[in-house]
Amino acid sequence: MKIDVKKVATLANLTLTPQEEHKFEKQLSEILTYVEKLNDVDVEGVEPTSQVTGLTNVTKNDNFSDDSLSQNAALSGAKNQNNGFFKVKAIFDNE
């Protein structure tokens, strides 16, 4: 199976050397040949499915109580605040 690696690389915004193009063309061809074997699988009578474990999402309702702190009370002990939020030193390095 012939793969247009240059076109795929362009679509993926990748710059490939000629050696990489040759290498990836061979690898992609092998992958697609392997995947084509799925066409030989007999799926007669098999229902399509996207979930096989039977699990469902479990959610919990948010419960708000009256004894929660107000924003002002929460910020009352803050050393630094800005526009109603806690102000802290940066924790991520901007490299």
N, C-alpha and C. Protein backbone atom coordinates (compact mmCIF):
# COMPACT_ATOMS: atom_id res chain seq x y z
N MET A 1 0.85 -1.18 0.00
CA MET A 1 0.00 0.00 0.00
C MET A 1 0.90 1.24 0.00
N LYS A 2 0.67 2.15 -0.91
CA LYS A 2 1.47 3.36 -1.06
C LYS A 2 0.84 4.49 -0.24
N ILE A 3 1.65 5.12 0.60
CA ILE A 3 1.19 6.22 1.45
C ILE A 3 1.88 7.50 0.99
N ASP A 4 1.11 8.59 0.88
CA ASP A 4 1.68 9.89 0.52
C ASP A 4 2.14 10.58 1.81
N VAL A 5 3.34 10.22 2.25
CA VAL A 5 3.87 10.70 3.51
C VAL A 5 4.06 12.22 3.49
N LYS A 6 4.44 12.77 2.35
CA LYS A 6 4.63 14.23 2.26
C LYS A 6 3.31 14.95 2.57
N LYS A 7 2.21 14.43 2.03
CA LYS A 7 0.91 15.05 2.27
C LYS A 7 0.51 14.93 3.73
N VAL A 8 0.70 13.75 4.31
CA VAL A 8 0.38 13.54 5.73
C VAL A 8 1.23 14.46 6.60
N ALA A 9 2.51 14.58 6.28
CA ALA A 9 3.41 15.45 7.05
C ALA A 9 2.97 16.91 6.94
N THR A 10 2.55 17.32 5.74
CA THR A 10 2.07 18.69 5.55
C THR A 10 0.81 18.93 6.38
N LEU A 11 -0.12 17.98 6.36
CA LEU A 11 -1.35 18.12 7.15
C LEU A 11 -1.05 18.19 8.64
N ALA A 12 -0.02 17.48 9.08
CA ALA A 12 0.36 17.47 10.50
C ALA A 12 1.35 18.58 10.83
N ASN A 13 1.68 19.41 9.85
CA ASN A 13 2.62 20.51 10.02
C ASN A 13 3.99 20.01 10.50
N LEU A 14 4.45 18.93 9.87
CA LEU A 14 5.74 18.34 10.20
C LEU A 14 6.71 18.53 9.05
N THR A 15 7.96 18.76 9.39
CA THR A 15 9.01 18.83 8.39
C THR A 15 9.82 17.55 8.50
N LEU A 16 9.88 16.79 7.42
CA LEU A 16 10.58 15.52 7.44
C LEU A 16 11.74 15.53 6.46
N THR A 17 12.82 14.85 6.85
CA THR A 17 13.93 14.64 5.93
C THR A 17 13.54 13.53 4.97
N PRO A 18 14.22 13.42 3.84
CA PRO A 18 13.92 12.32 2.91
C PRO A 18 14.05 10.94 3.57
N GLN A 19 15.03 10.79 4.48
CA GLN A 19 15.19 9.52 5.18
C GLN A 19 13.98 9.24 6.08
N GLU A 20 13.47 10.27 6.75
CA GLU A 20 12.30 10.10 7.60
C GLU A 20 11.06 9.77 6.76
N GLU A 21 10.93 10.43 5.61
CA GLU A 21 9.80 10.14 4.72
C GLU A 21 9.79 8.67 4.33
N HIS A 22 10.94 8.15 3.95
CA HIS A 22 11.05 6.75 3.54
C HIS A 22 10.72 5.83 4.73
N LYS A 23 11.28 6.14 5.88
CA LYS A 23 11.06 5.32 7.08
C LYS A 23 9.57 5.29 7.44
N PHE A 24 8.92 6.47 7.48
CA PHE A 24 7.53 6.55 7.88
C PHE A 24 6.59 5.96 6.82
N GLU A 25 6.97 6.07 5.54
CA GLU A 25 6.16 5.45 4.50
C GLU A 25 6.10 3.94 4.71
N LYS A 26 7.25 3.35 5.02
CA LYS A 26 7.30 1.91 5.26
C LYS A 26 6.48 1.55 6.51
N GLN A 27 6.66 2.32 7.60
CA GLN A 27 5.94 2.02 8.85
C GLN A 27 4.42 2.17 8.67
N LEU A 28 3.99 3.26 8.04
CA LEU A 28 2.56 3.47 7.85
C LEU A 28 1.94 2.40 6.96
N SER A 29 2.67 1.98 5.95
CA SER A 29 2.17 0.91 5.08
C SER A 29 1.98 -0.38 5.87
N GLU A 30 2.94 -0.70 6.73
CA GLU A 30 2.84 -1.92 7.54
C GLU A 30 1.65 -1.83 8.51
N ILE A 31 1.45 -0.66 9.11
CA ILE A 31 0.33 -0.47 10.04
C ILE A 31 -1.00 -0.65 9.31
N LEU A 32 -1.15 0.00 8.15
CA LEU A 32 -2.41 -0.10 7.42
C LEU A 32 -2.67 -1.51 6.90
N THR A 33 -1.63 -2.21 6.51
CA THR A 33 -1.78 -3.60 6.09
C THR A 33 -2.28 -4.45 7.24
N TYR A 34 -1.74 -4.22 8.42
CA TYR A 34 -2.18 -4.96 9.60
C TYR A 34 -3.64 -4.64 9.93
N VAL A 35 -4.01 -3.37 9.88
CA VAL A 35 -5.37 -2.96 10.20
C VAL A 35 -6.36 -3.51 9.18
N GLU A 36 -5.95 -3.65 7.93
CA GLU A 36 -6.82 -4.21 6.89
C GLU A 36 -7.27 -5.63 7.22
N LYS A 37 -6.51 -6.32 8.05
CA LYS A 37 -6.89 -7.69 8.44
C LYS A 37 -8.23 -7.69 9.18
N LEU A 38 -8.63 -6.55 9.74
CA LEU A 38 -9.91 -6.46 10.42
C LEU A 38 -11.07 -6.70 9.46
N ASN A 39 -10.86 -6.42 8.18
CA ASN A 39 -11.91 -6.66 7.19
C ASN A 39 -12.25 -8.14 7.07
N ASP A 40 -11.32 -9.02 7.47
CA ASP A 40 -11.54 -10.46 7.37
C ASP A 40 -12.31 -11.02 8.57
N VAL A 41 -12.53 -10.21 9.61
CA VAL A 41 -13.20 -10.68 10.81
C VAL A 41 -14.70 -10.77 10.55
N ASP A 42 -15.30 -11.91 10.90
CA ASP A 42 -16.73 -12.11 10.72
C ASP A 42 -17.48 -11.41 11.86
N VAL A 43 -18.22 -10.37 11.54
CA VAL A 43 -18.96 -9.62 12.55
C VAL A 43 -20.47 -9.75 12.34
N GLU A 44 -20.86 -10.76 11.59
CA GLU A 44 -22.29 -11.00 11.33
C GLU A 44 -23.02 -11.23 12.66
N GLY A 45 -24.05 -10.45 12.91
CA GLY A 45 -24.86 -10.60 14.11
C GLY A 45 -24.28 -9.94 15.35
N VAL A 46 -23.16 -9.26 15.22
CA VAL A 46 -22.55 -8.57 16.37
C VAL A 46 -23.09 -7.15 16.41
N GLU A 47 -23.68 -6.80 17.54
CA GLU A 47 -24.23 -5.45 17.71
C GLU A 47 -23.11 -4.44 17.89
N PRO A 48 -23.19 -3.29 17.22
CA PRO A 48 -22.20 -2.23 17.45
C PRO A 48 -22.27 -1.75 18.89
N THR A 49 -21.11 -1.42 19.46
CA THR A 49 -21.08 -0.95 20.84
C THR A 49 -19.93 0.04 21.02
N SER A 50 -20.11 0.93 21.96
CA SER A 50 -19.04 1.86 22.29
C SER A 50 -18.65 1.75 23.76
N GLN A 51 -19.35 0.88 24.49
CA GLN A 51 -19.08 0.72 25.92
C GLN A 51 -19.38 -0.72 26.28
N VAL A 52 -18.42 -1.40 26.91
CA VAL A 52 -18.61 -2.82 27.18
C VAL A 52 -18.55 -3.19 28.65
N THR A 53 -18.25 -2.25 29.53
CA THR A 53 -18.09 -2.60 30.94
C THR A 53 -19.39 -2.55 31.72
N GLY A 54 -20.40 -1.83 31.20
CA GLY A 54 -21.65 -1.70 31.93
C GLY A 54 -21.62 -0.62 33.00
N LEU A 55 -20.50 0.06 33.13
CA LEU A 55 -20.40 1.13 34.12
C LEU A 55 -21.11 2.38 33.63
N THR A 56 -21.64 3.15 34.57
CA THR A 56 -22.27 4.42 34.24
C THR A 56 -21.64 5.52 35.08
N ASN A 57 -21.81 6.75 34.63
CA ASN A 57 -21.29 7.87 35.40
C ASN A 57 -22.04 8.00 36.71
N VAL A 58 -21.30 8.24 37.76
CA VAL A 58 -21.90 8.44 39.07
C VAL A 58 -21.65 9.88 39.46
N THR A 59 -22.72 10.61 39.71
CA THR A 59 -22.59 12.02 40.09
C THR A 59 -23.22 12.25 41.44
N LYS A 60 -22.81 13.32 42.06
CA LYS A 60 -23.33 13.67 43.37
C LYS A 60 -23.76 15.13 43.31
N ASN A 61 -24.92 15.43 43.86
CA ASN A 61 -25.40 16.81 43.86
C ASN A 61 -24.55 17.66 44.80
N ASP A 62 -24.31 18.89 44.39
CA ASP A 62 -23.63 19.84 45.26
C ASP A 62 -24.60 20.31 46.32
N ASN A 63 -24.17 20.27 47.56
CA ASN A 63 -25.00 20.76 48.66
C ASN A 63 -24.32 21.97 49.27
N PHE A 64 -25.03 23.08 49.29
CA PHE A 64 -24.49 24.30 49.86
C PHE A 64 -25.14 24.52 51.22
N SER A 65 -24.32 24.86 52.18
CA SER A 65 -24.88 25.10 53.51
C SER A 65 -24.72 26.57 53.88
N ASP A 66 -25.53 27.01 54.80
CA ASP A 66 -25.50 28.42 55.23
C ASP A 66 -24.28 28.73 56.08
N ASP A 67 -23.60 27.71 56.60
CA ASP A 67 -22.45 27.97 57.47
C ASP A 67 -21.13 28.09 56.69
N SER A 68 -21.22 28.28 55.36
CA SER A 68 -20.02 28.52 54.56
C SER A 68 -19.52 29.92 54.81
N LEU A 69 -18.22 30.12 54.63
CA LEU A 69 -17.64 31.45 54.81
C LEU A 69 -18.03 32.36 53.65
N SER A 70 -18.25 33.61 53.95
CA SER A 70 -18.45 34.60 52.89
C SER A 70 -17.09 34.90 52.28
N GLN A 71 -17.09 35.54 51.13
CA GLN A 71 -15.82 35.87 50.48
C GLN A 71 -14.99 36.80 51.37
N ASN A 72 -15.65 37.78 51.97
CA ASN A 72 -14.92 38.72 52.85
C ASN A 72 -14.34 38.01 54.05
N ALA A 73 -15.10 37.07 54.64
CA ALA A 73 -14.60 36.35 55.81
C ALA A 73 -13.42 35.46 55.41
N ALA A 74 -13.50 34.83 54.26
CA ALA A 74 -12.41 33.97 53.80
C ALA A 74 -11.14 34.78 53.55
N LEU A 75 -11.30 36.00 53.04
CA LEU A 75 -10.14 36.83 52.72
C LEU A 75 -9.64 37.65 53.91
N SER A 76 -10.36 37.62 55.02
CA SER A 76 -10.02 38.48 56.15
C SER A 76 -8.63 38.20 56.72
N GLY A 77 -8.14 37.01 56.65
CA GLY A 77 -6.81 36.70 57.18
C GLY A 77 -5.73 36.65 56.12
N ALA A 78 -6.07 36.98 54.90
CA ALA A 78 -5.09 36.90 53.80
C ALA A 78 -4.07 38.03 53.91
N LYS A 79 -2.80 37.67 53.73
CA LYS A 79 -1.75 38.69 53.74
C LYS A 79 -1.87 39.59 52.52
N ASN A 80 -2.17 38.99 51.37
CA ASN A 80 -2.29 39.75 50.13
C ASN A 80 -3.56 39.32 49.41
N GLN A 81 -4.29 40.31 48.88
CA GLN A 81 -5.47 40.02 48.08
C GLN A 81 -5.58 41.06 46.97
N ASN A 82 -6.30 40.69 45.92
CA ASN A 82 -6.45 41.57 44.79
C ASN A 82 -7.82 41.30 44.16
N ASN A 83 -8.65 42.32 44.09
CA ASN A 83 -9.97 42.22 43.47
C ASN A 83 -10.80 41.06 44.00
N GLY A 84 -10.75 40.82 45.30
CA GLY A 84 -11.56 39.79 45.91
C GLY A 84 -10.99 38.39 45.81
N PHE A 85 -9.72 38.26 45.46
CA PHE A 85 -9.07 36.95 45.35
C PHE A 85 -7.80 36.93 46.19
N PHE A 86 -7.38 35.73 46.61
CA PHE A 86 -6.09 35.58 47.27
C PHE A 86 -5.00 35.91 46.26
N LYS A 87 -3.98 36.62 46.69
CA LYS A 87 -2.85 36.92 45.83
C LYS A 87 -1.65 36.16 46.37
N VAL A 88 -1.06 35.29 45.52
CA VAL A 88 0.08 34.49 45.93
C VAL A 88 1.19 34.63 44.93
N LYS A 89 2.39 34.20 45.34
CA LYS A 89 3.52 34.22 44.42
C LYS A 89 3.28 33.18 43.32
N ALA A 90 3.84 33.43 42.16
CA ALA A 90 3.71 32.50 41.03
C ALA A 90 4.27 31.13 41.41
N ILE A 91 3.60 30.08 40.98
CA ILE A 91 4.07 28.74 41.31
C ILE A 91 4.63 28.02 40.08
N PHE A 92 4.46 28.61 38.91
CA PHE A 92 4.98 27.99 37.69
C PHE A 92 6.17 28.78 37.20
N ASP A 93 7.15 28.07 36.67
CA ASP A 93 8.33 28.71 36.12
C ASP A 93 8.03 29.08 34.67
N ASN A 94 8.29 30.31 34.28
CA ASN A 94 7.97 30.78 32.93
C ASN A 94 9.13 30.59 31.96
N GLU A 95 9.70 29.43 31.92
CA GLU A 95 10.79 29.17 30.99
C GLU A 95 10.26 28.76 29.65
